[in-house]
């Protein structure tokens, strides 16, 4: 007899991570840092942040700051416009219990503060 599959407590959180420079980080040569839009799974946002920071460090990135925007349901409740491609990436992060980098934006001198664009 098959046991019923337990409902996963995992959820996907939208994170904006600012990164500094580090040798081998893959950012353009003249960039001063960057921002990454990430979808990360976790039982809570703190776990999603910890996992994301650990993975970014393994990838030779230097995370400086993480801003959490919540789960899909939380973002919908706040009125965020969430496109189908974004939903697909969130589902992938959930299915794979992983961290998915949706976008990486390098910063160049003077752009660091301009990079803090709110999620719509």
N, C-alpha and C. Protein backbone atom coordinates (compact mmCIF):
# COMPACT_ATOMS: atom_id res chain seq x y z
N UNK A 1 0.84 -1.18 0.00
CA UNK A 1 0.00 0.00 0.00
C UNK A 1 0.89 1.25 0.00
N UNK A 2 0.59 2.16 -0.92
CA UNK A 2 1.36 3.39 -1.02
C UNK A 2 0.97 4.36 0.09
N UNK A 3 2.00 4.95 0.68
CA UNK A 3 1.74 5.98 1.69
C UNK A 3 1.42 7.28 0.98
N UNK A 4 0.47 8.04 1.52
CA UNK A 4 0.20 9.34 0.89
C UNK A 4 1.42 10.24 1.02
N UNK A 5 1.70 10.97 -0.05
CA UNK A 5 2.85 11.88 -0.05
C UNK A 5 2.58 13.03 0.90
N UNK A 6 3.56 13.30 1.77
CA UNK A 6 3.43 14.43 2.70
C UNK A 6 3.50 15.74 1.93
N UNK A 7 2.66 16.67 2.33
CA UNK A 7 2.71 17.99 1.73
C UNK A 7 3.98 18.69 2.20
N UNK A 8 4.73 19.18 1.25
CA UNK A 8 5.98 19.86 1.56
C UNK A 8 5.71 21.18 2.26
N UNK A 9 6.54 21.50 3.23
CA UNK A 9 6.44 22.80 3.91
C UNK A 9 7.26 23.85 3.17
N UNK A 10 7.97 23.43 2.13
CA UNK A 10 8.80 24.35 1.37
C UNK A 10 7.93 25.39 0.66
N UNK A 11 8.42 26.60 0.63
CA UNK A 11 7.81 27.68 -0.13
C UNK A 11 8.93 28.37 -0.90
N UNK A 12 8.57 29.18 -1.87
CA UNK A 12 9.57 29.92 -2.64
C UNK A 12 9.48 31.39 -2.25
N UNK A 13 10.65 31.95 -1.99
CA UNK A 13 10.76 33.35 -1.58
C UNK A 13 11.50 34.13 -2.66
N UNK A 14 11.05 35.35 -2.91
CA UNK A 14 11.72 36.25 -3.85
C UNK A 14 12.72 37.08 -3.06
N UNK A 15 13.97 37.03 -3.50
CA UNK A 15 15.05 37.74 -2.80
C UNK A 15 15.80 38.63 -3.78
N UNK A 16 16.20 39.79 -3.33
CA UNK A 16 17.08 40.68 -4.08
C UNK A 16 18.39 40.72 -3.31
N UNK A 17 19.47 40.28 -3.95
CA UNK A 17 20.77 40.18 -3.27
C UNK A 17 21.75 41.15 -3.93
N UNK A 18 22.32 42.04 -3.13
CA UNK A 18 23.39 42.90 -3.64
C UNK A 18 24.71 42.21 -3.37
N UNK A 19 25.59 42.24 -4.37
CA UNK A 19 26.89 41.60 -4.24
C UNK A 19 27.99 42.61 -4.51
N UNK A 20 29.11 42.40 -3.82
CA UNK A 20 30.31 43.21 -4.06
C UNK A 20 31.22 42.46 -5.00
N UNK A 21 32.42 42.99 -5.18
CA UNK A 21 33.39 42.38 -6.09
C UNK A 21 34.24 41.35 -5.36
N UNK A 22 34.63 40.32 -6.09
CA UNK A 22 35.50 39.27 -5.59
C UNK A 22 36.14 38.62 -6.82
N UNK A 23 37.40 38.22 -6.71
CA UNK A 23 38.06 37.56 -7.84
C UNK A 23 37.24 36.37 -8.30
N UNK A 24 37.04 36.27 -9.61
CA UNK A 24 36.33 35.14 -10.18
C UNK A 24 34.82 35.22 -10.08
N UNK A 25 34.28 36.44 -9.79
CA UNK A 25 32.83 36.55 -9.58
C UNK A 25 32.01 36.56 -10.87
N UNK A 26 32.66 36.72 -12.01
CA UNK A 26 31.94 36.69 -13.28
C UNK A 26 31.28 38.00 -13.68
N UNK A 27 31.42 39.03 -12.85
CA UNK A 27 30.87 40.34 -13.20
C UNK A 27 31.77 41.01 -14.23
N UNK A 28 31.22 41.94 -15.03
CA UNK A 28 32.06 42.65 -16.00
C UNK A 28 33.24 43.34 -15.30
N UNK A 29 34.33 43.47 -16.05
CA UNK A 29 35.59 43.98 -15.51
C UNK A 29 35.45 45.30 -14.75
N UNK A 30 34.70 46.26 -15.27
CA UNK A 30 34.60 47.59 -14.65
C UNK A 30 33.43 47.71 -13.67
N UNK A 31 32.69 46.64 -13.45
CA UNK A 31 31.56 46.68 -12.52
C UNK A 31 32.06 46.86 -11.09
N UNK A 32 31.28 47.56 -10.29
CA UNK A 32 31.62 47.76 -8.88
C UNK A 32 30.88 46.79 -7.98
N UNK A 33 29.95 46.05 -8.54
CA UNK A 33 29.14 45.08 -7.81
C UNK A 33 27.95 44.72 -8.66
N UNK A 34 26.89 44.23 -8.02
CA UNK A 34 25.72 43.88 -8.80
C UNK A 34 24.55 43.52 -7.91
N UNK A 35 23.44 43.22 -8.56
CA UNK A 35 22.23 42.78 -7.87
C UNK A 35 21.70 41.54 -8.57
N UNK A 36 21.20 40.60 -7.78
CA UNK A 36 20.64 39.38 -8.33
C UNK A 36 19.21 39.22 -7.84
N UNK A 37 18.30 38.97 -8.77
CA UNK A 37 16.92 38.62 -8.42
C UNK A 37 16.89 37.10 -8.34
N UNK A 38 16.47 36.60 -7.18
CA UNK A 38 16.56 35.17 -6.91
C UNK A 38 15.24 34.65 -6.38
N UNK A 39 14.93 33.42 -6.78
CA UNK A 39 13.81 32.66 -6.21
C UNK A 39 14.43 31.49 -5.48
N UNK A 40 14.18 31.41 -4.18
CA UNK A 40 14.82 30.38 -3.35
C UNK A 40 13.78 29.67 -2.52
N UNK A 41 13.91 28.35 -2.44
CA UNK A 41 12.97 27.58 -1.63
C UNK A 41 13.48 27.47 -0.20
N UNK A 42 12.54 27.32 0.71
CA UNK A 42 12.88 27.15 2.12
C UNK A 42 11.61 26.96 2.93
N UNK A 43 11.75 26.42 4.14
CA UNK A 43 10.58 26.28 5.01
C UNK A 43 10.18 27.64 5.57
N UNK A 44 11.12 28.58 5.57
CA UNK A 44 10.82 29.96 5.94
C UNK A 44 11.82 30.85 5.21
N UNK A 45 11.60 32.15 5.28
CA UNK A 45 12.47 33.08 4.55
C UNK A 45 13.91 33.04 5.05
N UNK A 46 14.09 32.86 6.35
CA UNK A 46 15.45 32.81 6.91
C UNK A 46 16.24 31.66 6.30
N UNK A 47 15.61 30.49 6.15
CA UNK A 47 16.31 29.36 5.54
C UNK A 47 16.62 29.65 4.08
N UNK A 48 15.68 30.25 3.35
CA UNK A 48 15.92 30.59 1.95
C UNK A 48 17.11 31.55 1.82
N UNK A 49 17.19 32.51 2.72
CA UNK A 49 18.30 33.47 2.70
C UNK A 49 19.62 32.76 3.00
N UNK A 50 19.65 31.91 4.04
CA UNK A 50 20.89 31.19 4.39
C UNK A 50 21.38 30.34 3.23
N UNK A 51 20.47 29.59 2.62
CA UNK A 51 20.84 28.73 1.49
C UNK A 51 21.35 29.56 0.31
N UNK A 52 20.69 30.66 0.04
CA UNK A 52 21.09 31.52 -1.06
C UNK A 52 22.48 32.09 -0.84
N UNK A 53 22.74 32.62 0.34
CA UNK A 53 24.05 33.19 0.65
C UNK A 53 25.14 32.12 0.54
N UNK A 54 24.88 30.93 1.04
CA UNK A 54 25.87 29.85 0.98
C UNK A 54 26.18 29.49 -0.48
N UNK A 55 25.16 29.39 -1.31
CA UNK A 55 25.37 29.04 -2.72
C UNK A 55 26.11 30.15 -3.45
N UNK A 56 25.76 31.40 -3.18
CA UNK A 56 26.44 32.51 -3.85
C UNK A 56 27.92 32.55 -3.46
N UNK A 57 28.22 32.27 -2.21
CA UNK A 57 29.62 32.24 -1.78
C UNK A 57 30.38 31.12 -2.47
N UNK A 58 29.73 29.97 -2.64
CA UNK A 58 30.36 28.85 -3.36
C UNK A 58 30.63 29.22 -4.82
N UNK A 59 29.80 30.12 -5.36
CA UNK A 59 29.95 30.55 -6.75
C UNK A 59 30.90 31.75 -6.88
N UNK A 60 31.69 32.01 -5.83
CA UNK A 60 32.67 33.10 -5.81
C UNK A 60 32.04 34.48 -5.91
N UNK A 61 30.80 34.62 -5.43
CA UNK A 61 30.18 35.93 -5.33
C UNK A 61 30.30 36.40 -3.88
N UNK A 62 30.17 37.69 -3.67
CA UNK A 62 30.32 38.28 -2.35
C UNK A 62 29.02 38.97 -1.93
N UNK A 63 28.06 38.20 -1.36
CA UNK A 63 26.79 38.81 -0.96
C UNK A 63 26.98 39.85 0.14
N UNK A 64 26.38 41.03 -0.06
CA UNK A 64 26.48 42.12 0.91
C UNK A 64 25.17 42.36 1.65
N UNK A 65 24.06 42.24 0.93
CA UNK A 65 22.76 42.56 1.51
C UNK A 65 21.69 41.74 0.81
N UNK A 66 20.71 41.27 1.58
CA UNK A 66 19.59 40.51 1.03
C UNK A 66 18.29 41.18 1.46
N UNK A 67 17.44 41.47 0.49
CA UNK A 67 16.11 42.01 0.77
C UNK A 67 15.10 40.96 0.36
N UNK A 68 14.22 40.59 1.29
CA UNK A 68 13.20 39.60 1.00
C UNK A 68 11.89 40.26 0.61
N UNK A 69 11.23 39.70 -0.41
CA UNK A 69 9.94 40.23 -0.86
C UNK A 69 8.81 39.24 -0.60
N UNK A 70 9.10 38.13 0.07
CA UNK A 70 8.06 37.19 0.46
C UNK A 70 7.78 36.11 -0.56
N UNK A 71 6.71 35.36 -0.26
CA UNK A 71 6.29 34.26 -1.11
C UNK A 71 5.42 34.79 -2.25
N UNK A 72 5.08 33.90 -3.17
CA UNK A 72 4.19 34.26 -4.27
C UNK A 72 2.87 34.82 -3.72
N UNK A 73 2.28 34.12 -2.76
CA UNK A 73 1.01 34.57 -2.19
C UNK A 73 1.14 35.94 -1.51
N UNK A 74 2.24 36.15 -0.81
CA UNK A 74 2.46 37.44 -0.14
C UNK A 74 2.62 38.56 -1.17
N UNK A 75 3.34 38.27 -2.24
CA UNK A 75 3.55 39.28 -3.28
C UNK A 75 2.24 39.59 -4.00
N UNK A 76 1.43 38.56 -4.25
CA UNK A 76 0.13 38.80 -4.89
C UNK A 76 -0.75 39.65 -3.99
N UNK A 77 -0.73 39.38 -2.69
CA UNK A 77 -1.53 40.15 -1.73
C UNK A 77 -1.09 41.62 -1.70
N UNK A 78 0.18 41.87 -2.01
CA UNK A 78 0.70 43.25 -2.03
C UNK A 78 0.45 43.93 -3.37
N UNK A 79 -0.13 43.18 -4.31
CA UNK A 79 -0.45 43.75 -5.61
C UNK A 79 0.67 43.70 -6.64
N UNK A 80 1.70 42.90 -6.40
CA UNK A 80 2.79 42.79 -7.38
C UNK A 80 2.28 42.15 -8.66
N UNK A 81 2.76 42.63 -9.79
CA UNK A 81 2.43 42.06 -11.09
C UNK A 81 3.45 40.95 -11.36
N UNK A 82 3.00 39.71 -11.36
CA UNK A 82 3.91 38.56 -11.50
C UNK A 82 3.60 37.85 -12.81
N UNK A 83 4.55 37.90 -13.73
CA UNK A 83 4.38 37.34 -15.06
C UNK A 83 4.54 35.82 -15.05
N UNK A 84 4.06 35.18 -16.10
CA UNK A 84 4.11 33.72 -16.20
C UNK A 84 5.53 33.17 -16.14
N UNK A 85 6.48 33.86 -16.81
CA UNK A 85 7.86 33.36 -16.79
C UNK A 85 8.44 33.40 -15.38
N UNK A 86 8.05 34.39 -14.61
CA UNK A 86 8.50 34.50 -13.22
C UNK A 86 7.88 33.37 -12.38
N UNK A 87 6.62 33.08 -12.63
CA UNK A 87 5.93 31.99 -11.93
C UNK A 87 6.59 30.64 -12.26
N UNK A 88 7.00 30.47 -13.50
CA UNK A 88 7.67 29.23 -13.91
C UNK A 88 8.99 29.06 -13.17
N UNK A 89 9.75 30.13 -13.02
CA UNK A 89 11.02 30.05 -12.29
C UNK A 89 10.78 29.75 -10.81
N UNK A 90 9.73 30.33 -10.25
CA UNK A 90 9.38 30.04 -8.85
C UNK A 90 9.01 28.57 -8.69
N UNK A 91 8.24 28.04 -9.64
CA UNK A 91 7.85 26.63 -9.57
C UNK A 91 9.07 25.73 -9.71
N UNK A 92 10.01 26.12 -10.57
CA UNK A 92 11.24 25.35 -10.72
C UNK A 92 12.02 25.31 -9.41
N UNK A 93 12.13 26.45 -8.75
CA UNK A 93 12.84 26.50 -7.46
C UNK A 93 12.16 25.58 -6.45
N UNK A 94 10.83 25.55 -6.45
CA UNK A 94 10.09 24.69 -5.53
C UNK A 94 10.27 23.22 -5.90
N UNK A 95 10.10 22.88 -7.17
CA UNK A 95 10.23 21.49 -7.63
C UNK A 95 11.60 20.92 -7.36
N UNK A 96 12.63 21.74 -7.55
CA UNK A 96 14.01 21.29 -7.40
C UNK A 96 14.58 21.58 -6.02
N UNK A 97 13.77 22.21 -5.15
CA UNK A 97 14.24 22.62 -3.82
C UNK A 97 15.59 23.34 -3.98
N UNK A 98 15.56 24.40 -4.77
CA UNK A 98 16.81 25.04 -5.16
C UNK A 98 16.74 26.56 -5.11
N UNK A 99 17.83 27.15 -5.54
CA UNK A 99 17.97 28.60 -5.67
C UNK A 99 18.10 28.89 -7.16
N UNK A 100 17.21 29.72 -7.68
CA UNK A 100 17.22 30.05 -9.10
C UNK A 100 17.53 31.54 -9.25
N UNK A 101 18.60 31.86 -9.97
CA UNK A 101 18.94 33.26 -10.25
C UNK A 101 18.15 33.66 -11.50
N UNK A 102 17.22 34.57 -11.32
CA UNK A 102 16.36 35.00 -12.42
C UNK A 102 16.99 36.12 -13.23
N UNK A 103 17.77 36.97 -12.57
CA UNK A 103 18.38 38.10 -13.26
C UNK A 103 19.61 38.56 -12.49
N UNK A 104 20.64 38.94 -13.23
CA UNK A 104 21.85 39.50 -12.62
C UNK A 104 22.12 40.84 -13.31
N UNK A 105 22.19 41.90 -12.51
CA UNK A 105 22.42 43.23 -13.03
C UNK A 105 23.71 43.79 -12.44
N UNK A 106 24.74 44.02 -13.28
CA UNK A 106 25.97 44.62 -12.74
C UNK A 106 25.78 46.10 -12.47
N UNK A 107 26.49 46.59 -11.46
CA UNK A 107 26.51 48.01 -11.14
C UNK A 107 27.85 48.58 -11.58
N UNK A 108 27.81 49.81 -12.05
CA UNK A 108 29.02 50.52 -12.40
C UNK A 108 29.09 51.77 -11.54
N UNK A 109 30.23 52.40 -11.45
CA UNK A 109 30.45 53.52 -10.53
C UNK A 109 29.26 54.47 -10.49
N UNK A 110 28.73 54.68 -9.27
CA UNK A 110 27.63 55.60 -9.07
C UNK A 110 26.25 54.99 -9.22
N UNK A 111 26.14 53.75 -9.66
CA UNK A 111 24.83 53.13 -9.90
C UNK A 111 24.31 52.30 -8.73
N UNK A 112 25.12 52.08 -7.72
CA UNK A 112 24.75 51.16 -6.64
C UNK A 112 23.40 51.48 -6.03
N UNK A 113 23.15 52.74 -5.68
CA UNK A 113 21.88 53.08 -5.05
C UNK A 113 20.75 53.10 -6.06
N UNK A 114 21.06 53.35 -7.34
CA UNK A 114 20.03 53.35 -8.36
C UNK A 114 19.54 51.93 -8.64
N UNK A 115 20.32 50.93 -8.23
CA UNK A 115 19.98 49.55 -8.48
C UNK A 115 18.87 49.01 -7.60
N UNK A 116 18.46 49.75 -6.60
CA UNK A 116 17.42 49.27 -5.68
C UNK A 116 16.06 49.62 -6.24
N UNK A 117 15.68 48.89 -7.28
CA UNK A 117 14.38 49.09 -7.90
C UNK A 117 13.37 48.17 -7.24
N UNK A 118 12.27 48.68 -6.75
CA UNK A 118 11.28 47.82 -6.11
C UNK A 118 10.69 46.84 -7.10
N UNK A 119 10.30 45.68 -6.61
CA UNK A 119 9.66 44.67 -7.44
C UNK A 119 8.24 45.13 -7.71
N UNK A 120 7.79 44.98 -8.94
CA UNK A 120 6.42 45.38 -9.31
C UNK A 120 5.56 44.17 -9.44
